[in-house]
Amino acid sequence: MASDSRRYALIDTDPGIDDALALLLAWSSPEWTVEVVTTVAGNVAMETGTRNVFRLLDLRRPMPAPLVASGAASPLARPLRVAPYHGDDGLGDLPDWPTVETRVDSADAAGVIVESARRRTQALTIVALGPLTNLALAVERDAPAVRGVARVVAMGGAIDVPGNVTPDAEFNAHVDPDALARVLEAGIWLDLVPLDATRQALLDRAALDAMVRRAPGAAAERIRRVTDFALRKDETHGRGGMSLHDPLAVGVALDPTLVQWESIHLAVGPDGETRRGAGPPNARFARLVDTPRFLKLFLERVCPACW
């Protein structure tokens, strides 16, 4: 049981360039304390993503430092499919990251999620930025505890828009649709941040360069180089910028009024299709983004001059 009125966050992640930006946003937001970071296989292998969390911790050095727990190395019932968009190492293949020691506090992410949910209850927001494998395993152990947290915000899905892996499936849902279905079947209400919303939240090169100019230094330059890797890929494909998928999920976890929501019965197909189904609502999804307000929040916090 939470003993005070503070807000706490548990972030489940598979870094990933946009996951990295999301973590930096979360660690720079005074509304809460990011108490736990758990890692899951998704954009990259779980071991690679865990190393990336420690790289980012070394870059940002948030205080207090979060507990770090490693989790599922593969989806519940199928082989892992990683995302080459992020580079082999998940953070743009920069050759000069400082060496970090990936000494996790726990190798049982699902257990850590359950313990945090039991201890913090309504003071805790769970933000899931990757496939929901860890969350599904936590629900197997104690679904009532997970249902008892303030919110579960998950980046994933494509409701009324095409997917980004198949015509009907977004990456996180496609990697582990069984986990997403299991979480919903357990009665966990999801605040879903799908491609419908995240494609409205674009970071272009001019905004990235302006952000870095406001806070020159080694940390800002590394953020620029990591993000530039993704931007160059998007520009090659004729996109107007990089979709801030995971940062938007953190943004709406901090402030749900950044988007307009629609409640639906979310149905999950065998390849991760996420569409409207028949039945009572089991989730709400972010449909329309106040993009200027979100980008202002993001740009002011991800690379502050006070680092």
C-alpha atoms as a PDB file:
ATOM      1  CA  MET A   1       0.000   0.000   0.000  1.00  0.00           C
ATOM      2  CA  ALA A   2       1.326   3.417  -0.954  1.00  0.00           C
ATOM      3  CA  SER A   3       2.110   5.466   2.144  1.00  0.00           C
ATOM      4  CA  ASP A   4       2.034   8.935   0.548  1.00  0.00           C
ATOM      5  CA  SER A   5       0.405  10.907  -2.240  1.00  0.00           C
ATOM      6  CA  ARG A   6       3.262  10.709  -4.700  1.00  0.00           C
ATOM      7  CA  ARG A   7       2.917   9.135  -8.138  1.00  0.00           C
ATOM      8  CA  TYR A   8       5.134   6.260  -9.225  1.00  0.00           C
ATOM      9  CA  ALA A   9       5.816   4.731 -12.628  1.00  0.00           C
ATOM     10  CA  LEU A  10       6.909   1.292 -13.729  1.00  0.00           C
ATOM     11  CA  ILE A  11       8.118   1.304 -17.324  1.00  0.00           C
ATOM     12  CA  ASP A  12       8.316  -1.959 -19.272  1.00  0.00           C
ATOM     13  CA  THR A  13      10.498  -1.424 -22.318  1.00  0.00           C
ATOM     14  CA  ASP A  14      12.481  -2.911 -25.218  1.00  0.00           C
ATOM     15  CA  PRO A  15      14.889  -0.073 -26.190  1.00  0.00           C
ATOM     16  CA  GLY A  16      14.669   0.847 -29.192  1.00  0.00           C
ATOM     17  CA  ILE A  17      15.319   4.456 -30.237  1.00  0.00           C
ATOM     18  CA  ASP A  18      11.851   5.779 -29.449  1.00  0.00           C
ATOM     19  CA  ASP A  19      11.912   3.798 -26.172  1.00  0.00           C
ATOM     20  CA  ALA A  20      15.141   5.629 -25.332  1.00  0.00           C
ATOM     21  CA  LEU A  21      13.497   8.995 -25.942  1.00  0.00           C
ATOM     22  CA  ALA A  22      10.502   7.863 -23.892  1.00  0.00           C
ATOM     23  CA  LEU A  23      12.715   6.909 -20.946  1.00  0.00           C
ATOM     24  CA  LEU A  24      14.487  10.260 -21.115  1.00  0.00           C
ATOM     25  CA  LEU A  25      11.099  12.004 -21.077  1.00  0.00           C
ATOM     26  CA  ALA A  26       9.910   9.900 -18.147  1.00  0.00           C
ATOM     27  CA  TRP A  27      13.080  10.526 -16.119  1.00  0.00           C
ATOM     28  CA  SER A  28      12.783  14.273 -16.737  1.00  0.00           C
ATOM     29  CA  SER A  29       9.175  14.576 -15.573  1.00  0.00           C
ATOM     30  CA  PRO A  30       8.618  15.798 -12.002  1.00  0.00           C
ATOM     31  CA  GLU A  31       5.026  14.540 -11.838  1.00  0.00           C
ATOM     32  CA  TRP A  32       6.204  11.087 -10.790  1.00  0.00           C
ATOM     33  CA  THR A  33       9.098   8.911  -9.687  1.00  0.00           C
ATOM     34  CA  VAL A  34      10.140   6.230 -12.166  1.00  0.00           C
ATOM     35  CA  GLU A  35      10.666   3.565  -9.562  1.00  0.00           C
ATOM     36  CA  VAL A  36      11.128   0.483 -11.773  1.00  0.00           C
ATOM     37  CA  VAL A  37      12.262  -0.281 -15.324  1.00  0.00           C
ATOM     38  CA  THR A  38      11.675  -3.783 -16.662  1.00  0.00           C
ATOM     39  CA  THR A  39      12.958  -5.097 -19.971  1.00  0.00           C
ATOM     40  CA  VAL A  40      11.336  -7.384 -22.507  1.00  0.00           C
ATOM     41  CA  ALA A  41      12.284  -8.825 -25.886  1.00  0.00           C
ATOM     42  CA  GLY A  42      10.865  -6.831 -28.759  1.00  0.00           C
ATOM     43  CA  ASN A  43      12.708  -4.230 -30.814  1.00  0.00           C
ATOM     44  CA  VAL A  44      15.887  -6.070 -29.830  1.00  0.00           C
ATOM     45  CA  ALA A  45      16.755  -9.167 -27.840  1.00  0.00           C
ATOM     46  CA  MET A  46      16.047  -8.808 -24.130  1.00  0.00           C
ATOM     47  CA  GLU A  47      19.759  -8.831 -23.226  1.00  0.00           C
ATOM     48  CA  THR A  48      20.462  -6.054 -25.732  1.00  0.00           C
ATOM     49  CA  GLY A  49      17.552  -3.988 -24.487  1.00  0.00           C
ATOM     50  CA  THR A  50      18.727  -4.411 -20.905  1.00  0.00           C
ATOM     51  CA  ARG A  51      22.190  -3.163 -21.833  1.00  0.00           C
ATOM     52  CA  ASN A  52      20.554  -0.177 -23.514  1.00  0.00           C
ATOM     53  CA  VAL A  53      18.685   0.693 -20.314  1.00  0.00           C
ATOM     54  CA  PHE A  54      22.009   0.851 -18.494  1.00  0.00           C
ATOM     55  CA  ARG A  55      23.525   2.946 -21.295  1.00  0.00           C
ATOM     56  CA  LEU A  56      20.670   5.408 -20.898  1.00  0.00           C
ATOM     57  CA  LEU A  57      20.932   5.399 -17.121  1.00  0.00           C
ATOM     58  CA  ASP A  58      24.618   6.204 -17.474  1.00  0.00           C
ATOM     59  CA  LEU A  59      23.739   9.063 -19.848  1.00  0.00           C
ATOM     60  CA  ARG A  60      20.892  10.580 -17.817  1.00  0.00           C
ATOM     61  CA  ARG A  61      21.681   9.456 -14.216  1.00  0.00           C
ATOM     62  CA  PRO A  62      18.150   9.973 -12.832  1.00  0.00           C
ATOM     63  CA  MET A  63      17.795  10.336  -9.093  1.00  0.00           C
ATOM     64  CA  PRO A  64      16.666   8.184  -7.500  1.00  0.00           C
ATOM     65  CA  ALA A  65      17.925   5.459  -9.803  1.00  0.00           C
ATOM     66  CA  PRO A  66      15.213   2.957 -10.694  1.00  0.00           C
ATOM     67  CA  LEU A  67      15.282  -0.714  -9.886  1.00  0.00           C
ATOM     68  CA  VAL A  68      16.023  -2.585 -13.135  1.00  0.00           C
ATOM     69  CA  ALA A  69      14.606  -6.059 -13.778  1.00  0.00           C
ATOM     70  CA  SER A  70      15.126  -8.183 -16.873  1.00  0.00           C
ATOM     71  CA  GLY A  71      12.208 -10.196 -18.166  1.00  0.00           C
ATOM     72  CA  ALA A  72      10.922 -12.350 -20.986  1.00  0.00           C
ATOM     73  CA  ALA A  73      13.463 -13.230 -23.665  1.00  0.00           C
ATOM     74  CA  SER A  74      10.811 -14.388 -26.140  1.00  0.00           C
ATOM     75  CA  PRO A  75       7.071 -14.044 -26.728  1.00  0.00           C
ATOM     76  CA  LEU A  76       4.683 -16.420 -24.979  1.00  0.00           C
ATOM     77  CA  ALA A  77       4.149 -18.844 -27.851  1.00  0.00           C
ATOM     78  CA  ARG A  78       6.130 -17.864 -30.937  1.00  0.00           C
ATOM     79  CA  PRO A  79       9.642 -16.920 -32.066  1.00  0.00           C
ATOM     80  CA  LEU A  80      10.885 -13.385 -31.473  1.00  0.00           C
ATOM     81  CA  ARG A  81      10.797 -10.936 -34.363  1.00  0.00           C
ATOM     82  CA  VAL A  82      13.056  -7.922 -33.785  1.00  0.00           C
ATOM     83  CA  ALA A  83      12.898  -4.527 -35.536  1.00  0.00           C
ATOM     84  CA  PRO A  84      15.871  -3.641 -37.789  1.00  0.00           C
ATOM     85  CA  TYR A  85      14.651  -0.024 -37.859  1.00  0.00           C
ATOM     86  CA  HIS A  86      16.618   0.654 -34.654  1.00  0.00           C
ATOM     87  CA  GLY A  87      19.953  -0.818 -35.773  1.00  0.00           C
ATOM     88  CA  ASP A  88      21.608  -4.000 -34.591  1.00  0.00           C
ATOM     89  CA  ASP A  89      22.137  -2.628 -31.084  1.00  0.00           C
ATOM     90  CA  GLY A  90      18.766  -0.884 -30.840  1.00  0.00           C
ATOM     91  CA  LEU A  91      20.272   2.577 -30.408  1.00  0.00           C
ATOM     92  CA  GLY A  92      21.456   3.468 -33.875  1.00  0.00           C
ATOM     93  CA  ASP A  93      24.704   1.434 -33.902  1.00  0.00           C
ATOM     94  CA  LEU A  94      26.855   4.221 -32.504  1.00  0.00           C
ATOM     95  CA  PRO A  95      30.380   2.830 -32.027  1.00  0.00           C
ATOM     96  CA  ASP A  96      31.425   4.872 -28.980  1.00  0.00           C
ATOM     97  CA  TRP A  97      29.019   4.137 -26.141  1.00  0.00           C
ATOM     98  CA  PRO A  98      30.850   4.040 -22.808  1.00  0.00           C
ATOM     99  CA  THR A  99      31.136   0.572 -21.347  1.00  0.00           C
ATOM    100  CA  VAL A 100      28.428  -0.139 -18.776  1.00  0.00           C
ATOM    101  CA  GLU A 101      27.829  -3.011 -16.398  1.00  0.00           C
ATOM    102  CA  THR A 102      24.398  -4.577 -16.894  1.00  0.00           C
ATOM    103  CA  ARG A 103      23.883  -5.713 -13.326  1.00  0.00           C
ATOM    104  CA  VAL A 104      20.125  -6.042 -12.930  1.00  0.00           C
ATOM    105  CA  ASP A 105      18.440  -5.969  -9.544  1.00  0.00           C
ATOM    106  CA  SER A 106      16.174  -8.869 -10.526  1.00  0.00           C
ATOM    107  CA  ALA A 107      15.824 -11.350 -13.379  1.00  0.00           C
ATOM    108  CA  ASP A 108      12.101 -11.755 -12.651  1.00  0.00           C
ATOM    109  CA  ALA A 109      10.348  -8.807 -14.273  1.00  0.00           C
ATOM    110  CA  ALA A 110       6.903 -10.362 -13.892  1.00  0.00           C
ATOM    111  CA  GLY A 111       7.454 -10.799 -10.181  1.00  0.00           C
ATOM    112  CA  VAL A 112       8.699  -7.232  -9.845  1.00  0.00           C
ATOM    113  CA  ILE A 113       5.594  -5.948 -11.655  1.00  0.00           C
ATOM    114  CA  VAL A 114       3.347  -7.862  -9.251  1.00  0.00           C
ATOM    115  CA  GLU A 115       5.271  -6.680  -6.183  1.00  0.00           C
ATOM    116  CA  SER A 116       5.144  -3.063  -7.346  1.00  0.00           C
ATOM    117  CA  ALA A 117       1.429  -3.307  -8.071  1.00  0.00           C
ATOM    118  CA  ARG A 118       0.729  -4.753  -4.622  1.00  0.00           C
ATOM    119  CA  ARG A 119       2.852  -2.154  -2.857  1.00  0.00           C
ATOM    120  CA  ARG A 120       1.918   1.024  -4.744  1.00  0.00           C
ATOM    121  CA  THR A 121      -1.671   0.190  -5.833  1.00  0.00           C
ATOM    122  CA  GLN A 122      -3.408   3.392  -7.007  1.00  0.00           C
ATOM    123  CA  ALA A 123      -0.175   5.393  -6.813  1.00  0.00           C
ATOM    124  CA  LEU A 124       1.352   3.309  -9.634  1.00  0.00           C
ATOM    125  CA  THR A 125       1.089   3.776 -13.397  1.00  0.00           C
ATOM    126  CA  ILE A 126       2.416   0.942 -15.557  1.00  0.00           C
ATOM    127  CA  VAL A 127       3.671   2.114 -18.946  1.00  0.00           C
ATOM    128  CA  ALA A 128       4.305  -0.722 -21.404  1.00  0.00           C
ATOM    129  CA  LEU A 129       6.391   0.340 -24.396  1.00  0.00           C
ATOM    130  CA  GLY A 130       7.052  -3.077 -25.937  1.00  0.00           C
ATOM    131  CA  PRO A 131       5.229  -6.379 -26.409  1.00  0.00           C
ATOM    132  CA  LEU A 132       3.096  -7.215 -23.369  1.00  0.00           C
ATOM    133  CA  THR A 133       4.879 -10.471 -22.526  1.00  0.00           C
ATOM    134  CA  ASN A 134       6.082  -9.400 -19.073  1.00  0.00           C
ATOM    135  CA  LEU A 135       2.684  -7.957 -18.209  1.00  0.00           C
ATOM    136  CA  ALA A 136       0.911 -11.145 -19.298  1.00  0.00           C
ATOM    137  CA  LEU A 137       3.218 -13.214 -17.093  1.00  0.00           C
ATOM    138  CA  ALA A 138       2.543 -10.849 -14.190  1.00  0.00           C
ATOM    139  CA  VAL A 139      -1.212 -11.178 -14.734  1.00  0.00           C
ATOM    140  CA  GLU A 140      -0.877 -14.961 -14.553  1.00  0.00           C
ATOM    141  CA  ARG A 141       0.565 -14.579 -11.063  1.00  0.00           C
ATOM    142  CA  ASP A 142      -1.780 -11.940  -9.641  1.00  0.00           C
ATOM    143  CA  ALA A 143      -4.316 -10.348 -11.947  1.00  0.00           C
ATOM    144  CA  PRO A 144      -6.165  -8.535  -9.127  1.00  0.00           C
ATOM    145  CA  ALA A 145      -2.957  -6.751  -8.111  1.00  0.00           C
ATOM    146  CA  VAL A 146      -2.387  -5.523 -11.671  1.00  0.00           C
ATOM    147  CA  ARG A 147      -6.033  -4.491 -11.963  1.00  0.00           C
ATOM    148  CA  GLY A 148      -5.538  -2.441  -8.801  1.00  0.00           C
ATOM    149  CA  VAL A 149      -3.006   0.042 -10.182  1.00  0.00           C
ATOM    150  CA  ALA A 150      -4.037   3.522 -11.296  1.00  0.00           C
ATOM    151  CA  ARG A 151      -3.561   2.957 -15.030  1.00  0.00           C
ATOM    152  CA  VAL A 152      -1.935   0.602 -17.498  1.00  0.00           C
ATOM    153  CA  VAL A 153      -0.834   2.586 -20.551  1.00  0.00           C
ATOM    154  CA  ALA A 154       0.362   0.497 -23.484  1.00  0.00           C
ATOM    155  CA  MET A 155       1.863   1.614 -26.782  1.00  0.00           C
ATOM    156  CA  GLY A 156       0.583  -0.715 -29.451  1.00  0.00           C
ATOM    157  CA  GLY A 157      -2.049  -1.614 -31.957  1.00  0.00           C
ATOM    158  CA  ALA A 158      -3.621  -0.019 -35.011  1.00  0.00           C
ATOM    159  CA  ILE A 159      -7.366   0.449 -34.676  1.00  0.00           C
ATOM    160  CA  ASP A 160      -8.625   2.431 -37.671  1.00  0.00           C
ATOM    161  CA  VAL A 161      -5.335   2.735 -39.585  1.00  0.00           C
ATOM    162  CA  PRO A 162      -2.994   0.298 -41.347  1.00  0.00           C
ATOM    163  CA  GLY A 163      -0.340  -1.533 -39.373  1.00  0.00           C
ATOM    164  CA  ASN A 164       3.404  -1.101 -39.700  1.00  0.00           C
ATOM    165  CA  VAL A 165       4.357  -4.796 -39.896  1.00  0.00           C
ATOM    166  CA  THR A 166       1.386  -6.254 -41.768  1.00  0.00           C
ATOM    167  CA  PRO A 167      -1.513  -4.370 -43.349  1.00  0.00           C
ATOM    168  CA  ASP A 168      -3.491  -4.858 -40.122  1.00  0.00           C
ATOM    169  CA  ALA A 169      -0.923  -5.237 -37.323  1.00  0.00           C
ATOM    170  CA  GLU A 170       1.381  -2.916 -35.401  1.00  0.00           C
ATOM    171  CA  PHE A 171       4.787  -4.228 -34.281  1.00  0.00           C
ATOM    172  CA  ASN A 172       4.248  -4.681 -30.518  1.00  0.00           C
ATOM    173  CA  ALA A 173       0.908  -6.417 -30.981  1.00  0.00           C
ATOM    174  CA  HIS A 174       2.305  -8.557 -33.806  1.00  0.00           C
ATOM    175  CA  VAL A 175       5.352  -9.712 -31.824  1.00  0.00           C
ATOM    176  CA  ASP A 176       3.218 -11.149 -29.002  1.00  0.00           C
ATOM    177  CA  PRO A 177      -0.522 -11.099 -29.741  1.00  0.00           C
ATOM    178  CA  ASP A 178      -1.052 -13.909 -27.219  1.00  0.00           C
ATOM    179  CA  ALA A 179       0.230 -11.646 -24.432  1.00  0.00           C
ATOM    180  CA  LEU A 180      -2.038  -8.772 -25.443  1.00  0.00           C
ATOM    181  CA  ALA A 181      -5.032 -11.091 -25.590  1.00  0.00           C
ATOM    182  CA  ARG A 182      -4.183 -12.627 -22.208  1.00  0.00           C
ATOM    183  CA  VAL A 183      -3.942  -9.220 -20.540  1.00  0.00           C
ATOM    184  CA  LEU A 184      -7.333  -8.179 -21.893  1.00  0.00           C
ATOM    185  CA  GLU A 185      -8.922 -11.519 -20.976  1.00  0.00           C
ATOM    186  CA  ALA A 186      -7.755 -10.993 -17.384  1.00  0.00           C
ATOM    187  CA  GLY A 187      -9.818  -7.818 -17.172  1.00  0.00           C
ATOM    188  CA  ILE A 188      -6.900  -5.374 -17.291  1.00  0.00           C
ATOM    189  CA  TRP A 189      -8.257  -2.099 -18.666  1.00  0.00           C
ATOM    190  CA  LEU A 190      -5.767  -0.670 -21.147  1.00  0.00           C
ATOM    191  CA  ASP A 191      -5.187   2.917 -22.121  1.00  0.00           C
ATOM    192  CA  LEU A 192      -3.915   2.047 -25.589  1.00  0.00           C
ATOM    193  CA  VAL A 193      -1.719   4.413 -27.597  1.00  0.00           C
ATOM    194  CA  PRO A 194      -1.876   2.980 -31.128  1.00  0.00           C
ATOM    195  CA  LEU A 195      -0.536   4.033 -34.506  1.00  0.00           C
ATOM    196  CA  ASP A 196      -3.750   6.034 -34.972  1.00  0.00           C
ATOM    197  CA  ALA A 197      -2.299   8.520 -32.467  1.00  0.00           C
ATOM    198  CA  THR A 198       1.455   8.089 -32.708  1.00  0.00           C
ATOM    199  CA  ARG A 199       1.551   8.878 -36.409  1.00  0.00           C
ATOM    200  CA  GLN A 200       0.234  12.331 -35.471  1.00  0.00           C
ATOM    201  CA  ALA A 201       3.253  12.945 -33.204  1.00  0.00           C
ATOM    202  CA  LEU A 202       6.129  13.560 -35.597  1.00  0.00           C
ATOM    203  CA  LEU A 203       9.606  14.798 -34.736  1.00  0.00           C
ATOM    204  CA  ASP A 204      11.256  16.420 -37.742  1.00  0.00           C
ATOM    205  CA  ARG A 205      14.892  17.318 -38.197  1.00  0.00           C
ATOM    206  CA  ALA A 206      14.390  21.029 -37.589  1.00  0.00           C
ATOM    207  CA  ALA A 207      12.794  20.367 -34.194  1.00  0.00           C
ATOM    208  CA  LEU A 208      15.537  17.900 -33.250  1.00  0.00           C
ATOM    209  CA  ASP A 209      18.295  20.350 -34.206  1.00  0.00           C
ATOM    210  CA  ALA A 210      16.617  23.181 -32.307  1.00  0.00           C
ATOM    211  CA  MET A 211      16.284  20.997 -29.209  1.00  0.00           C
ATOM    212  CA  VAL A 212      19.975  20.127 -29.278  1.00  0.00           C
ATOM    213  CA  ARG A 213      21.038  23.737 -29.861  1.00  0.00           C
ATOM    214  CA  ARG A 214      19.196  24.802 -26.719  1.00  0.00           C
ATOM    215  CA  ALA A 215      21.228  22.371 -24.597  1.00  0.00           C
ATOM    216  CA  PRO A 216      24.645  21.847 -26.218  1.00  0.00           C
ATOM    217  CA  GLY A 217      26.889  19.227 -24.717  1.00  0.00           C
ATOM    218  CA  ALA A 218      27.881  15.582 -24.877  1.00  0.00           C
ATOM    219  CA  ALA A 219      24.496  14.229 -23.754  1.00  0.00           C
ATOM    220  CA  ALA A 220      22.593  16.349 -26.266  1.00  0.00           C
ATOM    221  CA  GLU A 221      24.932  15.313 -29.058  1.00  0.00           C
ATOM    222  CA  ARG A 222      24.453  11.633 -28.268  1.00  0.00           C
ATOM    223  CA  ILE A 223      20.672  12.069 -28.269  1.00  0.00           C
ATOM    224  CA  ARG A 224      20.941  13.807 -31.640  1.00  0.00           C
ATOM    225  CA  ARG A 225      23.052  11.020 -33.135  1.00  0.00           C
ATOM    226  CA  VAL A 226      20.792   8.236 -31.883  1.00  0.00           C
ATOM    227  CA  THR A 227      17.667   9.995 -33.135  1.00  0.00           C
ATOM    228  CA  ASP A 228      19.290  10.913 -36.446  1.00  0.00           C
ATOM    229  CA  PHE A 229      19.671   7.194 -37.233  1.00  0.00           C
ATOM    230  CA  ALA A 230      15.885   6.783 -37.187  1.00  0.00           C
ATOM    231  CA  LEU A 231      15.213  10.104 -38.896  1.00  0.00           C
ATOM    232  CA  ARG A 232      17.424   9.189 -41.841  1.00  0.00           C
ATOM    233  CA  LYS A 233      15.456   5.967 -42.331  1.00  0.00           C
ATOM    234  CA  ASP A 234      12.164   7.825 -42.206  1.00  0.00           C
ATOM    235  CA  GLU A 235      13.412  10.458 -44.646  1.00  0.00           C
ATOM    236  CA  THR A 236      14.537   7.718 -47.043  1.00  0.00           C
ATOM    237  CA  HIS A 237      10.959   6.439 -47.078  1.00  0.00           C
ATOM    238  CA  GLY A 238       9.533   9.906 -47.701  1.00  0.00           C
ATOM    239  CA  ARG A 239       8.083  10.428 -44.230  1.00  0.00           C
ATOM    240  CA  GLY A 240       7.849  13.893 -42.733  1.00  0.00           C
ATOM    241  CA  GLY A 241       9.609  12.903 -39.540  1.00  0.00           C
ATOM    242  CA  MET A 242      10.036  10.231 -36.896  1.00  0.00           C
ATOM    243  CA  SER A 243       6.866   9.006 -35.192  1.00  0.00           C
ATOM    244  CA  LEU A 244       7.266   9.411 -31.436  1.00  0.00           C
ATOM    245  CA  HIS A 245       5.431   6.190 -30.620  1.00  0.00           C
ATOM    246  CA  ASP A 246       6.755   5.466 -27.130  1.00  0.00           C
ATOM    247  CA  PRO A 247       7.291   9.073 -26.032  1.00  0.00           C
ATOM    248  CA  LEU A 248       3.615   9.733 -26.728  1.00  0.00           C
ATOM    249  CA  ALA A 249       2.678   6.790 -24.489  1.00  0.00           C
ATOM    250  CA  VAL A 250       4.751   8.332 -21.691  1.00  0.00           C
ATOM    251  CA  GLY A 251       3.212  11.716 -22.436  1.00  0.00           C
ATOM    252  CA  VAL A 252      -0.366  10.475 -22.053  1.00  0.00           C
ATOM    253  CA  ALA A 253       0.610   8.489 -18.959  1.00  0.00           C
ATOM    254  CA  LEU A 254       1.709  11.808 -17.479  1.00  0.00           C
ATOM    255  CA  ASP A 255      -1.250  13.788 -18.830  1.00  0.00           C
ATOM    256  CA  PRO A 256      -4.215  11.922 -20.362  1.00  0.00           C
ATOM    257  CA  THR A 257      -5.680  15.209 -21.640  1.00  0.00           C
ATOM    258  CA  LEU A 258      -3.007  15.327 -24.354  1.00  0.00           C
ATOM    259  CA  VAL A 259      -5.278  13.082 -26.436  1.00  0.00           C
ATOM    260  CA  GLN A 260      -8.930  12.433 -27.115  1.00  0.00           C
ATOM    261  CA  TRP A 261      -9.961   8.927 -26.082  1.00  0.00           C
ATOM    262  CA  GLU A 262     -12.507   6.482 -27.430  1.00  0.00           C
ATOM    263  CA  SER A 263     -13.665   3.443 -25.444  1.00  0.00           C
ATOM    264  CA  ILE A 264     -13.978   0.216 -27.432  1.00  0.00           C
ATOM    265  CA  HIS A 265     -14.054  -3.543 -27.111  1.00  0.00           C
ATOM    266  CA  LEU A 266     -10.573  -4.374 -28.355  1.00  0.00           C
ATOM    267  CA  ALA A 267     -10.355  -7.648 -30.279  1.00  0.00           C
ATOM    268  CA  VAL A 268      -6.948  -9.230 -30.977  1.00  0.00           C
ATOM    269  CA  GLY A 269      -6.344 -11.353 -34.065  1.00  0.00           C
ATOM    270  CA  PRO A 270      -3.832 -14.202 -34.406  1.00  0.00           C
ATOM    271  CA  ASP A 271      -1.168 -12.010 -36.018  1.00  0.00           C
ATOM    272  CA  GLY A 272      -1.726  -9.048 -33.722  1.00  0.00           C
ATOM    273  CA  GLU A 273      -4.601  -7.394 -35.552  1.00  0.00           C
ATOM    274  CA  THR A 274      -6.290  -4.932 -33.202  1.00  0.00           C
ATOM    275  CA  ARG A 275      -9.765  -3.986 -34.253  1.00  0.00           C
ATOM    276  CA  ARG A 276     -13.153  -3.056 -32.829  1.00  0.00           C
ATOM    277  CA  GLY A 277     -15.015  -6.132 -31.585  1.00  0.00           C
ATOM    278  CA  ALA A 278     -18.442  -6.925 -30.209  1.00  0.00           C
ATOM    279  CA  GLY A 279     -18.919  -6.671 -26.475  1.00  0.00           C
ATOM    280  CA  PRO A 280     -18.524  -4.251 -23.591  1.00  0.00           C
ATOM    281  CA  PRO A 281     -15.531  -1.871 -23.634  1.00  0.00           C
ATOM    282  CA  ASN A 282     -12.285  -3.357 -22.321  1.00  0.00           C
ATOM    283  CA  ALA A 283      -9.954  -0.516 -23.337  1.00  0.00           C
ATOM    284  CA  ARG A 284      -9.835   3.007 -24.596  1.00  0.00           C
ATOM    285  CA  PHE A 285      -7.540   4.200 -27.326  1.00  0.00           C
ATOM    286  CA  ALA A 286      -5.920   7.525 -28.083  1.00  0.00           C
ATOM    287  CA  ARG A 287      -7.581   8.792 -31.233  1.00  0.00           C
ATOM    288  CA  LEU A 288      -6.673  12.461 -31.649  1.00  0.00           C
ATOM    289  CA  VAL A 289      -3.489  14.100 -30.320  1.00  0.00           C
ATOM    290  CA  ASP A 290      -2.958  17.686 -29.219  1.00  0.00           C
ATOM    291  CA  THR A 291       0.305  17.528 -31.146  1.00  0.00           C
ATOM    292  CA  PRO A 292       1.626  21.052 -30.427  1.00  0.00           C
ATOM    293  CA  ARG A 293       1.129  20.598 -26.688  1.00  0.00           C
ATOM    294  CA  PHE A 294       2.722  17.153 -26.666  1.00  0.00           C
ATOM    295  CA  LEU A 295       5.721  18.261 -28.743  1.00  0.00           C
ATOM    296  CA  LYS A 296       6.263  21.228 -26.439  1.00  0.00           C
ATOM    297  CA  LEU A 297       6.363  18.862 -23.447  1.00  0.00           C
ATOM    298  CA  PHE A 298       8.681  16.460 -25.240  1.00  0.00           C
ATOM    299  CA  LEU A 299      11.137  19.019 -26.582  1.00  0.00           C
ATOM    300  CA  GLU A 300      11.400  20.899 -23.289  1.00  0.00           C
ATOM    301  CA  ARG A 301      12.089  17.806 -21.213  1.00  0.00           C
ATOM    302  CA  VAL A 302      14.048  15.258 -23.221  1.00  0.00           C
ATOM    303  CA  CYS A 303      17.178  17.340 -23.496  1.00  0.00           C
ATOM    304  CA  PRO A 304      17.097  19.978 -20.735  1.00  0.00           C
ATOM    305  CA  ALA A 305      20.021  22.325 -20.231  1.00  0.00           C
ATOM    306  CA  CYS A 306      20.181  21.389 -16.545  1.00  0.00           C
ATOM    307  CA  TRP A 307      21.499  17.885 -17.113  1.00  0.00           C
END
